[in-house]
Amino acid sequence: MWTEKLLYGILRVLTPLGPRYLTPSFTQRVYLLWIFRNFETLPVKVLTRRQLKRIDAMCGQHGFISLLEPNSLMDAPVLGTLEQRPPVGVETLPRRPVRSVSESVSLFAADRQRS
């Protein structure tokens, strides 16, 4: 299995548009085997800056292939799967207007005098 991955392996990248596949060179496959040595799937967040730069360079150099193409690598072993999930939008909670301490105290005192 390792020899098949080393000779013919591809990298799967999960994107918001669906899975994309990359055919790395031999030395890049060795590097990817090292990255994915303990896990089949890794999120982008766990990769180092250097690893991200190298994978980005691979994507720019080779481009993605589709498994639907006639000469695609349908039976090629997958070296690993890289998850590139879209960033989760952070909900902003409604904030109360910021008041100074003196304004808050005066409002409290006015409420206290009314009662």
N, C-alpha and C. Protein backbone atom coordinates (compact mmCIF):
# COMPACT_ATOMS: atom_id res chain seq x y z
N MET A 1 0.82 -1.20 0.00
CA MET A 1 0.00 0.00 0.00
C MET A 1 0.87 1.26 0.00
N TRP A 2 1.93 1.26 0.82
CA TRP A 2 2.81 2.43 0.86
C TRP A 2 3.48 2.65 -0.48
N THR A 3 3.87 1.58 -1.14
CA THR A 3 4.54 1.74 -2.43
C THR A 3 3.58 2.28 -3.48
N GLU A 4 2.31 1.82 -3.45
CA GLU A 4 1.32 2.36 -4.39
C GLU A 4 1.10 3.85 -4.14
N LYS A 5 0.98 4.22 -2.88
CA LYS A 5 0.80 5.64 -2.55
C LYS A 5 2.01 6.45 -2.98
N LEU A 6 3.19 5.87 -2.79
CA LEU A 6 4.42 6.58 -3.13
C LEU A 6 4.55 6.76 -4.64
N LEU A 7 4.10 5.78 -5.41
CA LEU A 7 4.24 5.85 -6.87
C LEU A 7 3.08 6.56 -7.55
N TYR A 8 1.85 6.37 -7.07
CA TYR A 8 0.68 6.87 -7.80
C TYR A 8 -0.26 7.72 -6.96
N GLY A 9 0.10 8.06 -5.75
CA GLY A 9 -0.82 8.72 -4.83
C GLY A 9 -1.24 10.12 -5.26
N ILE A 10 -2.46 10.48 -4.85
CA ILE A 10 -3.00 11.81 -5.10
C ILE A 10 -3.44 12.42 -3.78
N LEU A 11 -3.56 13.73 -3.74
CA LEU A 11 -4.01 14.44 -2.55
C LEU A 11 -5.44 14.91 -2.79
N ARG A 12 -6.32 14.64 -1.84
CA ARG A 12 -7.71 15.12 -1.92
C ARG A 12 -7.82 16.37 -1.06
N VAL A 13 -8.38 17.43 -1.63
CA VAL A 13 -8.61 18.68 -0.91
C VAL A 13 -10.10 18.94 -0.90
N LEU A 14 -10.69 18.98 0.29
CA LEU A 14 -12.12 19.24 0.41
C LEU A 14 -12.34 20.75 0.45
N THR A 15 -13.06 21.25 -0.53
CA THR A 15 -13.35 22.68 -0.64
C THR A 15 -14.85 22.89 -0.52
N PRO A 16 -15.29 24.14 -0.36
CA PRO A 16 -16.74 24.39 -0.32
C PRO A 16 -17.44 23.97 -1.61
N LEU A 17 -16.70 23.89 -2.72
CA LEU A 17 -17.29 23.48 -4.00
C LEU A 17 -17.26 21.98 -4.22
N GLY A 18 -16.70 21.24 -3.28
CA GLY A 18 -16.59 19.80 -3.41
C GLY A 18 -15.14 19.37 -3.40
N PRO A 19 -14.89 18.07 -3.47
CA PRO A 19 -13.51 17.59 -3.42
C PRO A 19 -12.74 17.91 -4.71
N ARG A 20 -11.48 18.27 -4.54
CA ARG A 20 -10.57 18.51 -5.66
C ARG A 20 -9.36 17.60 -5.45
N TYR A 21 -8.70 17.23 -6.52
CA TYR A 21 -7.60 16.27 -6.44
C TYR A 21 -6.35 16.87 -7.06
N LEU A 22 -5.22 16.52 -6.49
CA LEU A 22 -3.93 17.05 -6.89
C LEU A 22 -2.99 15.89 -7.14
N THR A 23 -2.25 15.94 -8.25
CA THR A 23 -1.27 14.90 -8.56
C THR A 23 0.13 15.45 -8.30
N PRO A 24 0.69 15.18 -7.14
CA PRO A 24 2.02 15.71 -6.80
C PRO A 24 3.14 14.91 -7.45
N SER A 25 4.32 15.50 -7.46
CA SER A 25 5.51 14.80 -7.96
C SER A 25 5.95 13.77 -6.92
N PHE A 26 6.96 12.98 -7.26
CA PHE A 26 7.44 11.93 -6.37
C PHE A 26 7.91 12.50 -5.03
N THR A 27 8.74 13.54 -5.07
CA THR A 27 9.24 14.11 -3.81
C THR A 27 8.10 14.75 -3.00
N GLN A 28 7.14 15.32 -3.69
CA GLN A 28 5.99 15.89 -2.99
C GLN A 28 5.13 14.80 -2.37
N ARG A 29 5.03 13.66 -3.03
CA ARG A 29 4.29 12.54 -2.44
C ARG A 29 4.97 12.03 -1.17
N VAL A 30 6.30 11.99 -1.18
CA VAL A 30 7.04 11.58 0.02
C VAL A 30 6.73 12.56 1.16
N TYR A 31 6.75 13.85 0.87
CA TYR A 31 6.46 14.88 1.86
C TYR A 31 5.03 14.73 2.39
N LEU A 32 4.07 14.49 1.49
CA LEU A 32 2.67 14.34 1.90
C LEU A 32 2.46 13.08 2.72
N LEU A 33 3.17 12.02 2.36
CA LEU A 33 3.08 10.80 3.17
C LEU A 33 3.54 11.06 4.60
N TRP A 34 4.57 11.89 4.73
CA TRP A 34 5.05 12.24 6.06
C TRP A 34 4.01 13.06 6.83
N ILE A 35 3.38 14.01 6.16
CA ILE A 35 2.37 14.85 6.81
C ILE A 35 1.18 14.00 7.26
N PHE A 36 0.74 13.09 6.40
CA PHE A 36 -0.46 12.28 6.70
C PHE A 36 -0.10 10.91 7.26
N ARG A 37 1.04 10.79 7.91
CA ARG A 37 1.50 9.49 8.40
C ARG A 37 0.62 8.91 9.49
N ASN A 38 -0.02 9.73 10.31
CA ASN A 38 -0.84 9.24 11.41
C ASN A 38 -2.34 9.42 11.19
N PHE A 39 -2.72 10.28 10.26
CA PHE A 39 -4.14 10.58 10.04
C PHE A 39 -4.43 10.57 8.55
N GLU A 40 -5.63 10.12 8.20
CA GLU A 40 -6.04 10.14 6.79
C GLU A 40 -6.58 11.51 6.39
N THR A 41 -7.16 12.23 7.35
CA THR A 41 -7.75 13.54 7.09
C THR A 41 -7.21 14.53 8.10
N LEU A 42 -6.82 15.70 7.60
CA LEU A 42 -6.32 16.76 8.48
C LEU A 42 -6.99 18.09 8.12
N PRO A 43 -7.39 18.86 9.14
CA PRO A 43 -7.86 20.21 8.85
C PRO A 43 -6.67 21.14 8.59
N VAL A 44 -6.93 22.19 7.86
CA VAL A 44 -5.86 23.14 7.51
C VAL A 44 -5.25 23.76 8.75
N LYS A 45 -6.03 23.91 9.80
CA LYS A 45 -5.56 24.60 11.02
C LYS A 45 -4.39 23.90 11.69
N VAL A 46 -4.24 22.59 11.51
CA VAL A 46 -3.17 21.89 12.21
C VAL A 46 -1.85 21.90 11.45
N LEU A 47 -1.85 22.37 10.22
CA LEU A 47 -0.62 22.41 9.44
C LEU A 47 0.22 23.62 9.83
N THR A 48 1.52 23.47 9.72
CA THR A 48 2.41 24.59 9.99
C THR A 48 2.41 25.54 8.79
N ARG A 49 2.97 26.71 8.99
CA ARG A 49 3.05 27.68 7.91
C ARG A 49 3.87 27.14 6.74
N ARG A 50 4.92 26.43 7.05
CA ARG A 50 5.78 25.85 6.01
C ARG A 50 5.02 24.79 5.21
N GLN A 51 4.27 23.95 5.89
CA GLN A 51 3.49 22.93 5.20
C GLN A 51 2.43 23.55 4.31
N LEU A 52 1.77 24.59 4.82
CA LEU A 52 0.77 25.29 4.02
C LEU A 52 1.37 25.91 2.77
N LYS A 53 2.55 26.51 2.91
CA LYS A 53 3.21 27.13 1.76
C LYS A 53 3.55 26.08 0.71
N ARG A 54 4.03 24.92 1.16
CA ARG A 54 4.39 23.86 0.21
C ARG A 54 3.17 23.29 -0.49
N ILE A 55 2.08 23.11 0.23
CA ILE A 55 0.86 22.59 -0.39
C ILE A 55 0.28 23.63 -1.35
N ASP A 56 0.31 24.91 -0.97
CA ASP A 56 -0.14 25.96 -1.88
C ASP A 56 0.70 25.99 -3.15
N ALA A 57 2.00 25.80 -3.00
CA ALA A 57 2.87 25.75 -4.17
C ALA A 57 2.53 24.56 -5.06
N MET A 58 2.21 23.42 -4.44
CA MET A 58 1.81 22.25 -5.23
C MET A 58 0.54 22.53 -6.01
N CYS A 59 -0.42 23.18 -5.37
CA CYS A 59 -1.68 23.50 -6.04
C CYS A 59 -1.45 24.46 -7.20
N GLY A 60 -0.59 25.43 -7.01
CA GLY A 60 -0.30 26.38 -8.08
C GLY A 60 0.50 25.76 -9.21
N GLN A 61 1.39 24.86 -8.87
CA GLN A 61 2.27 24.25 -9.86
C GLN A 61 1.54 23.21 -10.71
N HIS A 62 0.79 22.33 -10.06
CA HIS A 62 0.16 21.22 -10.78
C HIS A 62 -1.30 21.49 -11.14
N GLY A 63 -1.97 22.27 -10.36
CA GLY A 63 -3.39 22.48 -10.58
C GLY A 63 -4.19 21.27 -10.15
N PHE A 64 -5.49 21.43 -10.07
CA PHE A 64 -6.36 20.34 -9.65
C PHE A 64 -6.82 19.54 -10.86
N ILE A 65 -7.09 18.26 -10.63
CA ILE A 65 -7.65 17.41 -11.67
C ILE A 65 -9.04 16.98 -11.23
N SER A 66 -9.85 16.57 -12.16
CA SER A 66 -11.17 16.06 -11.86
C SER A 66 -11.18 14.57 -12.09
N LEU A 67 -11.82 13.83 -11.22
CA LEU A 67 -11.89 12.39 -11.41
C LEU A 67 -12.91 12.02 -12.48
N LEU A 68 -13.64 12.99 -13.01
CA LEU A 68 -14.61 12.72 -14.05
C LEU A 68 -14.01 12.80 -15.45
N GLU A 69 -12.78 13.29 -15.54
CA GLU A 69 -12.11 13.38 -16.84
C GLU A 69 -11.81 11.98 -17.37
N PRO A 70 -11.76 11.80 -18.71
CA PRO A 70 -11.55 10.46 -19.26
C PRO A 70 -10.24 9.81 -18.84
N ASN A 71 -9.15 10.54 -18.75
CA ASN A 71 -7.85 9.98 -18.39
C ASN A 71 -7.51 10.23 -16.92
N SER A 72 -8.53 10.29 -16.10
CA SER A 72 -8.29 10.60 -14.69
C SER A 72 -7.75 9.39 -13.95
N LEU A 73 -7.31 9.63 -12.75
CA LEU A 73 -6.71 8.60 -11.91
C LEU A 73 -7.78 8.02 -10.98
N MET A 74 -8.75 7.32 -11.55
CA MET A 74 -9.89 6.84 -10.78
C MET A 74 -9.48 5.87 -9.67
N ASP A 75 -8.50 5.03 -9.92
CA ASP A 75 -8.09 4.03 -8.94
C ASP A 75 -6.84 4.43 -8.17
N ALA A 76 -6.42 5.66 -8.29
CA ALA A 76 -5.20 6.11 -7.61
C ALA A 76 -5.44 6.16 -6.10
N PRO A 77 -4.47 5.70 -5.32
CA PRO A 77 -4.63 5.76 -3.86
C PRO A 77 -4.52 7.20 -3.38
N VAL A 78 -5.29 7.50 -2.35
CA VAL A 78 -5.31 8.85 -1.78
C VAL A 78 -4.26 8.92 -0.68
N LEU A 79 -3.33 9.86 -0.81
CA LEU A 79 -2.29 10.07 0.20
C LEU A 79 -2.88 10.59 1.49
N GLY A 80 -3.84 11.48 1.36
CA GLY A 80 -4.48 12.08 2.51
C GLY A 80 -5.55 13.06 2.04
N THR A 81 -6.36 13.50 2.97
CA THR A 81 -7.43 14.45 2.68
C THR A 81 -7.20 15.69 3.51
N LEU A 82 -7.18 16.82 2.84
CA LEU A 82 -7.00 18.11 3.51
C LEU A 82 -8.34 18.83 3.52
N GLU A 83 -8.81 19.16 4.71
CA GLU A 83 -10.09 19.84 4.85
C GLU A 83 -9.90 21.35 4.80
N GLN A 84 -10.53 21.97 3.83
CA GLN A 84 -10.52 23.44 3.74
C GLN A 84 -11.96 23.91 3.86
N ARG A 85 -12.42 24.01 5.09
CA ARG A 85 -13.79 24.42 5.31
C ARG A 85 -13.89 25.93 5.25
N PRO A 86 -15.06 26.43 4.83
CA PRO A 86 -15.22 27.88 4.80
C PRO A 86 -15.20 28.44 6.21
N PRO A 87 -14.70 29.66 6.38
CA PRO A 87 -14.67 30.25 7.72
C PRO A 87 -16.08 30.42 8.26
N VAL A 88 -16.23 30.10 9.51
CA VAL A 88 -17.53 30.22 10.16
C VAL A 88 -17.74 31.67 10.54
N GLY A 89 -18.87 32.22 10.14
CA GLY A 89 -19.19 33.61 10.48
C GLY A 89 -19.45 33.75 11.96
N VAL A 90 -18.88 34.75 12.54
CA VAL A 90 -19.06 34.99 13.97
C VAL A 90 -20.27 35.89 14.14
N GLU A 91 -21.20 35.41 14.95
CA GLU A 91 -22.38 36.23 15.22
C GLU A 91 -22.00 37.34 16.18
N THR A 92 -22.47 38.52 15.86
CA THR A 92 -22.23 39.64 16.76
C THR A 92 -23.48 39.82 17.62
N LEU A 93 -23.28 39.80 18.88
CA LEU A 93 -24.38 39.98 19.80
C LEU A 93 -24.69 41.46 19.93
N PRO A 94 -25.96 41.79 20.10
CA PRO A 94 -26.29 43.21 20.27
C PRO A 94 -25.68 43.72 21.57
N ARG A 95 -25.10 44.87 21.47
CA ARG A 95 -24.43 45.45 22.64
C ARG A 95 -25.26 46.59 23.20
N ARG A 96 -25.18 46.70 24.50
CA ARG A 96 -25.82 47.84 25.15
C ARG A 96 -24.92 49.06 24.96
N PRO A 97 -25.51 50.21 24.90
CA PRO A 97 -24.68 51.41 24.77
C PRO A 97 -23.80 51.57 26.01
N VAL A 98 -22.58 51.95 25.77
CA VAL A 98 -21.63 52.13 26.86
C VAL A 98 -21.90 53.49 27.52
N ARG A 99 -22.08 53.43 28.82
CA ARG A 99 -22.30 54.66 29.59
C ARG A 99 -21.16 54.84 30.56
N SER A 100 -20.90 56.05 30.85
CA SER A 100 -19.87 56.30 31.85
C SER A 100 -20.41 55.94 33.22
N VAL A 101 -19.52 55.82 34.16
CA VAL A 101 -19.92 55.46 35.53
C VAL A 101 -20.83 56.53 36.11
N SER A 102 -20.49 57.80 35.86
CA SER A 102 -21.29 58.88 36.44
C SER A 102 -22.72 58.87 35.87
N GLU A 103 -22.87 58.56 34.58
CA GLU A 103 -24.21 58.48 33.99
C GLU A 103 -25.00 57.34 34.63
N SER A 104 -24.36 56.21 34.83
CA SER A 104 -25.04 55.05 35.44
C SER A 104 -25.46 55.36 36.86
N VAL A 105 -24.59 56.02 37.61
CA VAL A 105 -24.91 56.35 39.00
C VAL A 105 -26.04 57.35 39.05
N SER A 106 -26.01 58.34 38.17
CA SER A 106 -27.08 59.35 38.18
C SER A 106 -28.42 58.72 37.79
N LEU A 107 -28.42 57.78 36.83
CA LEU A 107 -29.67 57.10 36.49
C LEU A 107 -30.18 56.26 37.65
N PHE A 108 -29.26 55.60 38.34
CA PHE A 108 -29.64 54.79 39.50
C PHE A 108 -30.19 55.69 40.60
N ALA A 109 -29.54 56.82 40.83
CA ALA A 109 -30.00 57.75 41.88
C ALA A 109 -31.36 58.33 41.54
N ALA A 110 -31.58 58.65 40.26
CA ALA A 110 -32.89 59.19 39.85
C ALA A 110 -33.98 58.15 40.05
N ASP A 111 -33.70 56.89 39.72
CA ASP A 111 -34.68 55.84 39.94
C ASP A 111 -34.95 55.66 41.44
N ARG A 112 -33.93 55.80 42.24
CA ARG A 112 -34.04 55.60 43.68
C ARG A 112 -34.88 56.73 44.32
N GLN A 113 -34.71 57.97 43.82
CA GLN A 113 -35.44 59.11 44.36
C GLN A 113 -36.92 59.02 44.01
N ARG A 114 -37.25 58.44 42.86
CA ARG A 114 -38.66 58.33 42.46
C ARG A 114 -39.41 57.36 43.35
N SER A 115 -38.74 56.36 43.85
CA SER A 115 -39.45 55.36 44.64
C SER A 115 -39.48 55.68 46.11
